[in-house]
N, C-alpha and C. Protein backbone atom coordinates (compact mmCIF):
# COMPACT_ATOMS: atom_id res chain seq x y z
N MET A 1 -48.98 -16.18 0.45
CA MET A 1 -48.67 -17.21 1.37
C MET A 1 -46.75 -17.45 0.73
N GLU A 2 -46.17 -17.28 -0.33
CA GLU A 2 -44.75 -17.30 -0.60
C GLU A 2 -43.82 -16.49 -0.28
N ASP A 3 -44.45 -15.12 -0.49
CA ASP A 3 -43.52 -14.06 0.36
C ASP A 3 -43.21 -14.25 1.59
N SER A 4 -44.45 -14.64 2.57
CA SER A 4 -44.39 -15.36 4.33
C SER A 4 -43.40 -16.09 4.38
N ARG A 5 -43.09 -17.12 3.38
CA ARG A 5 -42.49 -18.35 3.73
C ARG A 5 -40.89 -17.54 3.51
N LEU A 6 -40.43 -16.78 2.53
CA LEU A 6 -39.40 -16.56 1.82
C LEU A 6 -38.99 -15.59 2.66
N GLN A 7 -39.49 -14.78 3.79
CA GLN A 7 -39.50 -13.47 4.58
C GLN A 7 -38.92 -14.45 6.09
N LYS A 8 -39.77 -15.34 6.54
CA LYS A 8 -39.13 -16.17 7.14
C LYS A 8 -37.71 -17.02 6.97
N VAL A 9 -37.59 -17.38 5.51
CA VAL A 9 -36.05 -18.18 5.57
C VAL A 9 -35.42 -17.09 5.63
N LEU A 10 -35.32 -15.95 5.09
CA LEU A 10 -34.42 -14.38 4.82
C LEU A 10 -34.31 -14.05 6.61
N ALA A 11 -35.10 -14.06 7.07
CA ALA A 11 -35.08 -13.82 8.51
C ALA A 11 -34.44 -14.64 9.99
N SER A 12 -34.16 -16.28 9.22
CA SER A 12 -34.01 -16.62 10.51
C SER A 12 -32.42 -16.65 10.46
N ASN A 13 -32.00 -17.15 11.76
CA ASN A 13 -30.65 -17.17 12.47
C ASN A 13 -29.98 -18.03 11.52
N VAL A 14 -30.28 -19.05 10.83
CA VAL A 14 -29.88 -20.19 10.36
C VAL A 14 -29.29 -19.74 8.95
N PHE A 15 -30.28 -18.84 8.18
CA PHE A 15 -29.75 -18.40 6.98
C PHE A 15 -29.29 -17.45 7.10
N LYS A 16 -28.90 -16.46 8.13
CA LYS A 16 -28.10 -15.50 8.20
C LYS A 16 -26.57 -16.07 8.87
N SER A 17 -26.72 -16.77 9.11
CA SER A 17 -25.49 -17.89 9.88
C SER A 17 -24.65 -18.20 8.50
N PHE A 18 -25.31 -18.78 7.74
CA PHE A 18 -25.01 -19.76 6.63
C PHE A 18 -24.57 -18.45 5.49
N LEU A 19 -25.28 -17.21 5.68
CA LEU A 19 -24.61 -16.58 4.41
C LEU A 19 -23.58 -16.00 4.43
N LEU A 20 -23.16 -15.66 6.42
CA LEU A 20 -21.96 -15.01 6.31
C LEU A 20 -21.01 -16.14 6.11
N PHE A 21 -21.44 -17.11 6.20
CA PHE A 21 -19.66 -18.72 6.52
C PHE A 21 -19.80 -18.33 4.37
N ALA A 22 -20.49 -17.99 3.96
CA ALA A 22 -20.64 -18.65 2.44
C ALA A 22 -19.74 -17.13 2.00
N ILE A 23 -20.13 -16.03 2.53
CA ILE A 23 -18.91 -15.01 2.12
C ILE A 23 -17.90 -14.82 2.68
N PHE A 24 -17.65 -15.46 3.78
CA PHE A 24 -16.59 -15.49 4.39
C PHE A 24 -15.41 -16.27 3.58
N ARG A 25 -16.34 -17.81 3.53
CA ARG A 25 -15.23 -19.02 2.57
C ARG A 25 -14.61 -18.50 1.48
N ALA A 26 -15.72 -17.92 0.65
CA ALA A 26 -15.57 -17.17 -0.97
C ALA A 26 -14.42 -16.22 -0.81
N PHE A 27 -14.38 -15.29 0.45
CA PHE A 27 -12.88 -14.48 0.37
C PHE A 27 -11.86 -14.87 0.79
N TYR A 28 -12.37 -15.74 1.72
CA TYR A 28 -10.88 -16.50 2.28
C TYR A 28 -10.37 -17.72 1.60
N GLY A 29 -11.22 -18.09 0.82
CA GLY A 29 -10.62 -19.18 0.21
C GLY A 29 -9.95 -18.84 -1.61
N ALA A 30 -10.19 -17.50 -1.60
CA ALA A 30 -9.86 -17.17 -2.78
C ALA A 30 -8.03 -16.56 -2.31
N GLY A 31 -8.37 -15.76 -1.07
CA GLY A 31 -6.63 -15.65 -0.70
C GLY A 31 -6.08 -16.77 -0.66
N ILE A 32 -6.34 -18.06 -0.17
CA ILE A 32 -5.83 -19.38 0.42
C ILE A 32 -5.12 -19.55 -0.79
N LEU A 33 -5.90 -19.68 -2.35
CA LEU A 33 -5.49 -19.90 -3.34
C LEU A 33 -4.71 -19.84 -3.86
N ILE A 34 -4.63 -18.18 -3.76
CA ILE A 34 -3.30 -17.48 -4.53
C ILE A 34 -2.08 -17.36 -3.53
N VAL A 35 -2.18 -17.35 -2.19
CA VAL A 35 -0.98 -17.69 -1.50
C VAL A 35 -0.65 -19.10 -1.73
N THR A 36 -1.07 -20.24 -2.17
CA THR A 36 -0.80 -21.60 -2.00
C THR A 36 -0.26 -21.70 -3.59
N TRP A 37 -0.62 -20.95 -4.41
CA TRP A 37 -0.12 -20.97 -5.97
C TRP A 37 0.73 -20.22 -6.06
N PHE A 38 1.33 -19.23 -5.27
CA PHE A 38 2.24 -18.70 -5.27
C PHE A 38 3.70 -19.55 -4.67
N LEU A 39 3.29 -20.15 -3.27
CA LEU A 39 4.40 -21.03 -2.47
C LEU A 39 4.66 -22.18 -3.83
N ALA A 40 3.67 -22.93 -4.35
CA ALA A 40 3.33 -23.98 -5.27
C ALA A 40 4.59 -23.27 -6.30
N THR A 41 4.08 -22.19 -7.44
CA THR A 41 5.00 -22.39 -8.03
C THR A 41 6.14 -20.89 -8.26
N GLU A 42 6.33 -20.10 -7.60
CA GLU A 42 6.67 -18.78 -7.61
C GLU A 42 8.06 -18.61 -6.51
N SER A 43 8.01 -19.81 -5.35
CA SER A 43 8.70 -19.42 -4.38
C SER A 43 9.78 -20.62 -4.20
N GLU A 44 11.36 -20.88 -3.73
CA GLU A 44 11.96 -22.03 -3.64
C GLU A 44 11.57 -22.83 -3.16
N GLY A 45 10.70 -22.78 -2.14
CA GLY A 45 10.55 -23.90 -0.82
C GLY A 45 10.03 -25.02 -1.54
N PRO A 46 10.37 -26.57 -0.58
CA PRO A 46 9.45 -28.17 -1.39
C PRO A 46 8.71 -27.63 -1.72
N TRP A 47 7.60 -28.54 -2.01
CA TRP A 47 6.61 -28.67 -2.64
C TRP A 47 5.40 -28.69 -1.59
N TRP A 48 5.53 -29.94 -0.75
CA TRP A 48 5.19 -30.16 0.39
C TRP A 48 4.49 -28.90 1.34
N LEU A 49 5.69 -27.94 1.47
CA LEU A 49 5.41 -26.73 2.17
C LEU A 49 3.66 -25.86 1.62
N SER A 50 3.77 -26.16 0.59
CA SER A 50 1.97 -25.86 -0.13
C SER A 50 0.97 -26.42 0.99
N ILE A 51 1.07 -27.65 0.71
CA ILE A 51 0.37 -28.67 1.65
C ILE A 51 0.26 -28.25 2.87
N ILE A 52 1.29 -28.30 3.49
CA ILE A 52 1.41 -27.54 5.15
C ILE A 52 0.57 -26.31 5.13
N PHE A 53 0.70 -25.51 4.66
CA PHE A 53 -0.24 -23.98 4.65
C PHE A 53 -1.63 -24.50 4.46
N LEU A 54 -2.17 -25.55 3.19
CA LEU A 54 -3.04 -25.64 3.25
C LEU A 54 -3.68 -26.43 4.24
N ALA A 55 -2.90 -27.26 4.96
CA ALA A 55 -3.48 -27.85 6.42
C ALA A 55 -3.73 -26.78 7.23
N CYS A 56 -2.97 -26.26 7.61
CA CYS A 56 -2.73 -25.05 8.61
C CYS A 56 -3.96 -23.69 8.13
N SER A 57 -3.96 -23.61 6.95
CA SER A 57 -5.50 -22.31 7.03
C SER A 57 -6.59 -23.23 7.28
N MET A 58 -7.02 -24.56 7.06
CA MET A 58 -8.22 -25.28 7.55
C MET A 58 -8.86 -24.71 8.83
N VAL A 59 -7.35 -25.22 9.44
CA VAL A 59 -7.77 -25.14 10.94
C VAL A 59 -7.87 -23.81 11.71
N PHE A 60 -6.62 -22.70 11.12
CA PHE A 60 -7.30 -20.96 10.79
C PHE A 60 -8.15 -20.62 11.11
N SER A 61 -8.96 -21.42 9.56
CA SER A 61 -10.34 -21.00 9.18
C SER A 61 -11.23 -20.72 10.33
N ARG A 62 -11.51 -22.06 10.72
CA ARG A 62 -12.44 -22.31 11.61
C ARG A 62 -12.33 -21.86 13.04
N ILE A 63 -10.60 -21.45 13.50
CA ILE A 63 -11.20 -20.54 14.59
C ILE A 63 -11.63 -19.37 14.42
N LEU A 64 -11.05 -18.54 13.10
CA LEU A 64 -11.42 -17.19 12.35
C LEU A 64 -12.75 -16.90 12.68
N PHE A 65 -13.47 -17.85 11.79
CA PHE A 65 -15.34 -17.89 11.61
C PHE A 65 -15.95 -17.90 13.09
N LYS A 66 -15.07 -18.81 13.85
CA LYS A 66 -16.05 -19.14 15.25
C LYS A 66 -15.11 -17.76 15.92
N TRP A 67 -14.53 -16.95 15.66
CA TRP A 67 -14.36 -15.97 16.60
C TRP A 67 -15.25 -14.80 15.83
N ILE A 68 -15.19 -14.93 14.14
CA ILE A 68 -16.16 -13.87 13.68
C ILE A 68 -17.68 -13.72 14.26
N LYS A 69 -18.38 -15.03 14.21
CA LYS A 69 -19.78 -15.67 14.59
C LYS A 69 -20.02 -15.23 16.04
N LYS A 70 -18.86 -14.81 16.96
CA LYS A 70 -19.42 -15.04 18.16
C LYS A 70 -19.26 -13.20 18.19
N GLY A 71 -19.04 -12.44 17.38
CA GLY A 71 -18.93 -10.93 17.78
C GLY A 71 -17.50 -10.17 17.66
N GLY A 72 -16.28 -11.07 16.95
CA GLY A 72 -15.30 -10.51 17.32
C GLY A 72 -14.37 -9.74 18.36
N ALA A 73 -14.03 -9.04 18.74
CA ALA A 73 -13.30 -8.68 19.91
C ALA A 73 -14.92 -7.90 21.05
N ALA A 74 -15.65 -7.82 20.55
CA ALA A 74 -17.10 -7.13 21.43
C ALA A 74 -17.65 -8.93 22.24
N GLY A 75 -17.62 -9.80 21.53
CA GLY A 75 -17.72 -11.24 21.89
C GLY A 75 -16.83 -11.70 23.19
N ASN A 76 -15.68 -11.09 23.29
CA ASN A 76 -14.77 -11.77 24.39
C ASN A 76 -15.15 -10.81 25.66
N THR A 77 -15.56 -11.42 26.54
CA THR A 77 -15.66 -10.57 27.99
C THR A 77 -15.21 -11.26 28.84
N VAL A 78 -14.82 -10.71 29.66
CA VAL A 78 -13.96 -11.19 31.14
C VAL A 78 -15.59 -11.35 32.02
N GLU A 79 -15.54 -12.83 32.77
CA GLU A 79 -16.71 -12.37 33.50
C GLU A 79 -16.08 -12.93 35.33
């Protein structure tokens, strides 16, 4: 009985979507943190530039994830 419950959870679309989102956020978030660290410590730009970069990355990540979730370029069909 326990195996069938686990199998159902692993096969559900909600779980697969959540897992994809978690993997995407892990890699994308690490990249954003590295770029933000560089902007804040190594560049000659003002401190608020890294805050603007973080705000823009939040919006861009949502758009990018929606595009990935639809299937990338394959999901963009003209009707």
